[in-house]
Amino acid sequence: MNGIQLHKGDLPKNIDFGAIVAIDTEAMGLNPLRDHLTLVQLSSGDGTAHLVQLGRDYNCPNLKALLADPKVIKLFHFARFDVGMIKRWLGVDCAPIWCTKIASKLARTYTDRHGLKDVAREIAGVDLSKAQQSSDWGAKELSDAQLQYAASDVLHLHAIKEGLEAMLIREGRLELAQSCFNFLPTRAALDLAGWAEQDIFAHS
């Protein structure tokens, strides 16, 4: 398929994602303690999405090395979930991180619509289909529709980041956003340790 490369088990060694790699994940559900991580999508912003379909042994040293590389910014939308999934199933601490959902909430204070579909439409001028969001991501062979859906979640993140970053700078909130990004590995660790539903900063 044009713009999509599917890799079984691990990334090839020779792919250069540059300084910023867009990442998304698919899993068997939304509970990282129960639901297996099955797919990791990556893009350098060049119009190609690399989809890594994982086996349950999670023997993927090339993917793990990229995710752990401190010189590469990992770009997510709702990084809290993806970082938790990656930590739980791959044993990797992702950093540094840039999250377009957090950036949207800090920059687009005129709306409460911060899902990827809404942000992509406004910032990147792209209409994303979410028809395959709830489907069997553990299937041995993924359908063309699933592959297209999975790819679309990373192909536009670089453009979205560029637009949101300009808004954060304009509003004087880029430093605040970066502090939130830096906290995300700790937020994911709290989720995995049992504090997913509690705000430990709240008074009660």
Protein backbone atom coordinates (compact mmCIF):
# COMPACT_ATOMS: atom_id res chain seq x y z
CA MET A 1 0.00 0.00 0.00
CA ASN A 2 1.23 3.45 -0.88
CA GLY A 3 2.74 5.22 2.12
CA ILE A 4 2.45 2.20 4.43
CA GLN A 5 5.14 -0.34 5.26
CA LEU A 6 4.14 -3.27 7.48
CA HIS A 7 6.87 -4.98 9.49
CA LYS A 8 6.26 -8.24 11.32
CA GLY A 9 7.86 -8.45 14.75
CA ASP A 10 10.34 -5.56 14.63
CA LEU A 11 11.60 -2.55 12.73
CA PRO A 12 14.37 -3.02 10.17
CA LYS A 13 17.67 -1.57 11.34
CA ASN A 14 18.21 0.86 8.48
CA ILE A 15 15.29 3.28 8.93
CA ASP A 16 16.24 6.83 9.92
CA PHE A 17 13.30 8.63 11.55
CA GLY A 18 15.26 11.83 12.13
CA ALA A 19 15.01 13.99 15.24
CA ILE A 20 11.23 13.62 15.71
CA VAL A 21 9.27 10.40 15.22
CA ALA A 22 5.48 10.34 15.35
CA ILE A 23 4.20 7.29 17.25
CA ASP A 24 0.85 5.67 17.99
CA THR A 25 -0.16 2.29 19.33
CA GLU A 26 -3.03 -0.17 18.97
CA ALA A 27 -3.94 -2.74 21.59
CA MET A 28 -6.58 -5.27 22.55
CA GLY A 29 -8.28 -2.69 24.76
CA LEU A 30 -7.65 0.34 26.94
CA ASN A 31 -6.38 -1.39 30.08
CA PRO A 32 -2.57 -1.57 29.88
CA LEU A 33 -2.37 -4.11 32.69
CA ARG A 34 -4.67 -6.54 30.84
CA ASP A 35 -4.78 -5.71 27.14
CA HIS A 36 -1.83 -6.67 24.98
CA LEU A 37 0.00 -4.13 22.84
CA THR A 38 -0.30 -5.40 19.26
CA LEU A 39 0.81 -2.64 16.88
CA VAL A 40 3.16 0.35 16.94
CA GLN A 41 2.93 2.92 14.16
CA LEU A 42 5.76 5.32 13.37
CA SER A 43 6.43 8.10 10.87
CA SER A 44 9.23 10.60 10.30
CA GLY A 45 6.75 12.99 8.69
CA ASP A 46 7.82 12.05 5.15
CA GLY A 47 4.45 10.63 4.13
CA THR A 48 5.32 7.02 5.00
CA ALA A 49 4.00 5.14 8.00
CA HIS A 50 5.90 2.14 9.36
CA LEU A 51 3.61 -0.31 11.16
CA VAL A 52 5.22 -2.87 13.45
CA GLN A 53 2.92 -5.81 14.17
CA LEU A 54 4.14 -7.28 17.44
CA GLY A 55 4.28 -10.86 18.57
CA ARG A 56 3.39 -11.72 22.14
CA ASP A 57 7.05 -12.33 22.96
CA TYR A 58 7.80 -8.61 22.29
CA ASN A 59 11.23 -9.48 20.93
CA CYS A 60 11.79 -6.25 19.00
CA PRO A 61 15.24 -4.81 19.87
CA ASN A 62 15.31 -2.30 17.01
CA LEU A 63 11.95 -0.79 17.95
CA LYS A 64 12.89 -0.70 21.62
CA ALA A 65 16.18 1.04 20.83
CA LEU A 66 14.38 3.77 18.90
CA LEU A 67 11.78 4.30 21.62
CA ALA A 68 14.50 4.56 24.26
CA ASP A 69 16.80 6.86 22.23
CA PRO A 70 17.20 10.11 24.24
CA LYS A 71 18.19 12.01 21.08
CA VAL A 72 14.87 11.37 19.32
CA ILE A 73 11.68 13.22 20.31
CA LYS A 74 8.67 10.89 20.44
CA LEU A 75 5.59 12.67 19.14
CA PHE A 76 2.19 11.34 20.30
CA HIS A 77 -1.45 12.31 20.52
CA PHE A 78 -2.52 11.36 24.06
CA ALA A 79 0.94 10.17 25.03
CA ARG A 80 -0.24 9.11 28.49
CA PHE A 81 -1.88 5.97 27.07
CA ASP A 82 0.82 5.08 24.53
CA VAL A 83 3.71 5.65 26.95
CA GLY A 84 1.98 3.45 29.53
CA MET A 85 1.40 0.69 26.99
CA ILE A 86 5.00 0.84 25.80
CA LYS A 87 6.31 0.73 29.37
CA ARG A 88 4.02 -2.16 30.34
CA TRP A 89 4.62 -4.43 27.36
CA LEU A 90 8.00 -3.39 25.94
CA GLY A 91 9.65 -2.35 29.20
CA VAL A 92 10.84 0.92 27.67
CA ASP A 93 10.74 4.41 29.18
CA CYS A 94 9.91 6.81 26.35
CA ALA A 95 11.59 10.21 26.52
CA PRO A 96 11.73 12.93 25.42
CA ILE A 97 8.03 13.31 24.58
CA TRP A 98 5.83 15.82 22.76
CA CYS A 99 2.05 15.34 23.10
CA THR A 100 -0.35 17.06 20.71
CA LYS A 101 -3.36 16.42 22.97
CA ILE A 102 -1.78 18.29 25.89
CA ALA A 103 -0.60 21.00 23.50
CA SER A 104 -4.12 21.33 22.14
CA LYS A 105 -5.64 21.69 25.60
CA LEU A 106 -3.13 24.41 26.50
CA ALA A 107 -3.32 26.28 23.19
CA ARG A 108 -6.90 25.77 21.94
CA THR A 109 -8.70 27.03 25.05
CA TYR A 110 -11.63 28.22 22.89
CA THR A 111 -12.88 24.61 22.50
CA ASP A 112 -13.28 21.41 24.46
CA ARG A 113 -12.73 19.23 21.37
CA HIS A 114 -9.19 17.88 21.62
CA GLY A 115 -9.50 14.45 20.00
CA LEU A 116 -7.13 13.71 17.13
CA LYS A 117 -9.93 13.92 14.55
CA ASP A 118 -10.89 17.46 15.63
CA VAL A 119 -7.32 18.70 16.04
CA ALA A 120 -6.24 17.25 12.68
CA ARG A 121 -9.16 18.90 10.90
CA GLU A 122 -8.46 22.36 12.33
CA ILE A 123 -4.67 22.39 12.46
CA ALA A 124 -3.68 20.20 9.49
CA GLY A 125 -6.81 20.46 7.34
CA VAL A 126 -7.18 16.66 7.30
CA ASP A 127 -10.33 14.59 7.85
CA LEU A 128 -9.48 11.35 9.62
CA SER A 129 -11.76 8.34 9.67
CA LYS A 130 -12.19 6.60 13.03
CA ALA A 131 -14.24 3.69 11.67
CA GLN A 132 -11.63 1.07 12.61
CA GLN A 133 -10.91 2.37 16.10
CA SER A 134 -12.73 -0.54 17.74
CA SER A 135 -11.62 -3.60 15.81
CA ASP A 136 -9.58 -6.73 16.44
CA TRP A 137 -6.01 -5.44 16.51
CA GLY A 138 -4.76 -8.87 17.56
CA ALA A 139 -5.76 -10.50 14.28
CA LYS A 140 -2.95 -12.38 12.54
CA GLU A 141 -3.64 -10.52 9.31
CA LEU A 142 -4.84 -6.92 9.55
CA SER A 143 -7.27 -5.64 6.93
CA ASP A 144 -6.43 -2.86 4.49
CA ALA A 145 -8.92 -0.65 6.35
CA GLN A 146 -7.12 -1.29 9.66
CA LEU A 147 -3.73 -0.53 8.13
CA GLN A 148 -5.00 2.71 6.58
CA TYR A 149 -6.55 3.75 9.88
CA ALA A 150 -3.41 2.95 11.86
CA ALA A 151 -1.21 4.84 9.41
CA SER A 152 -3.42 7.93 9.43
CA ASP A 153 -2.86 8.37 13.17
CA VAL A 154 0.84 9.17 12.66
CA LEU A 155 1.10 10.61 9.15
CA HIS A 156 -0.14 14.08 10.15
CA LEU A 157 1.30 14.51 13.66
CA HIS A 158 4.32 16.51 12.49
CA ALA A 159 2.09 19.10 10.80
CA ILE A 160 -0.17 19.20 13.86
CA LYS A 161 2.82 19.72 16.15
CA GLU A 162 4.05 22.59 14.01
CA GLY A 163 0.69 24.35 14.17
CA LEU A 164 0.16 23.81 17.88
CA GLU A 165 3.71 24.82 18.75
CA ALA A 166 3.19 28.16 17.00
CA MET A 167 0.00 28.68 19.02
CA LEU A 168 1.75 27.80 22.29
CA ILE A 169 4.52 30.27 21.55
CA ARG A 170 1.96 32.96 20.68
CA GLU A 171 0.09 32.36 23.95
CA GLY A 172 3.26 32.15 26.05
CA ARG A 173 2.60 28.55 27.11
CA LEU A 174 5.33 26.53 25.40
CA GLU A 175 7.42 26.20 28.56
CA LEU A 176 4.37 25.08 30.53
CA ALA A 177 3.57 22.51 27.84
CA GLN A 178 7.13 21.19 27.93
CA SER A 179 6.91 20.72 31.69
CA CYS A 180 3.75 18.66 31.17
CA PHE A 181 5.47 16.57 28.51
CA ASN A 182 8.39 15.92 30.85
CA PHE A 183 5.98 14.63 33.51
CA LEU A 184 4.27 12.11 31.22
CA PRO A 185 6.51 9.10 32.04
CA THR A 186 5.69 9.66 35.73
CA ARG A 187 1.97 10.01 34.92
CA ALA A 188 2.09 6.71 33.02
CA ALA A 189 3.96 5.06 35.91
CA LEU A 190 1.21 6.22 38.30
CA ASP A 191 -1.41 4.71 35.98
CA LEU A 192 0.41 1.39 35.92
CA ALA A 193 0.88 1.43 39.70
CA GLY A 194 -2.85 1.82 40.39
CA TRP A 195 -3.45 5.58 40.52
CA ALA A 196 -5.07 5.94 37.08
CA GLU A 197 -8.39 7.23 38.46
CA GLN A 198 -7.02 9.41 41.25
CA ASP A 199 -5.65 12.94 41.13
CA ILE A 200 -2.89 12.76 43.71
CA PHE A 201 -2.54 16.55 43.55
CA ALA A 202 -6.13 17.11 44.67
CA HIS A 203 -6.88 18.22 48.24
CA SER A 204 -8.94 15.14 49.06
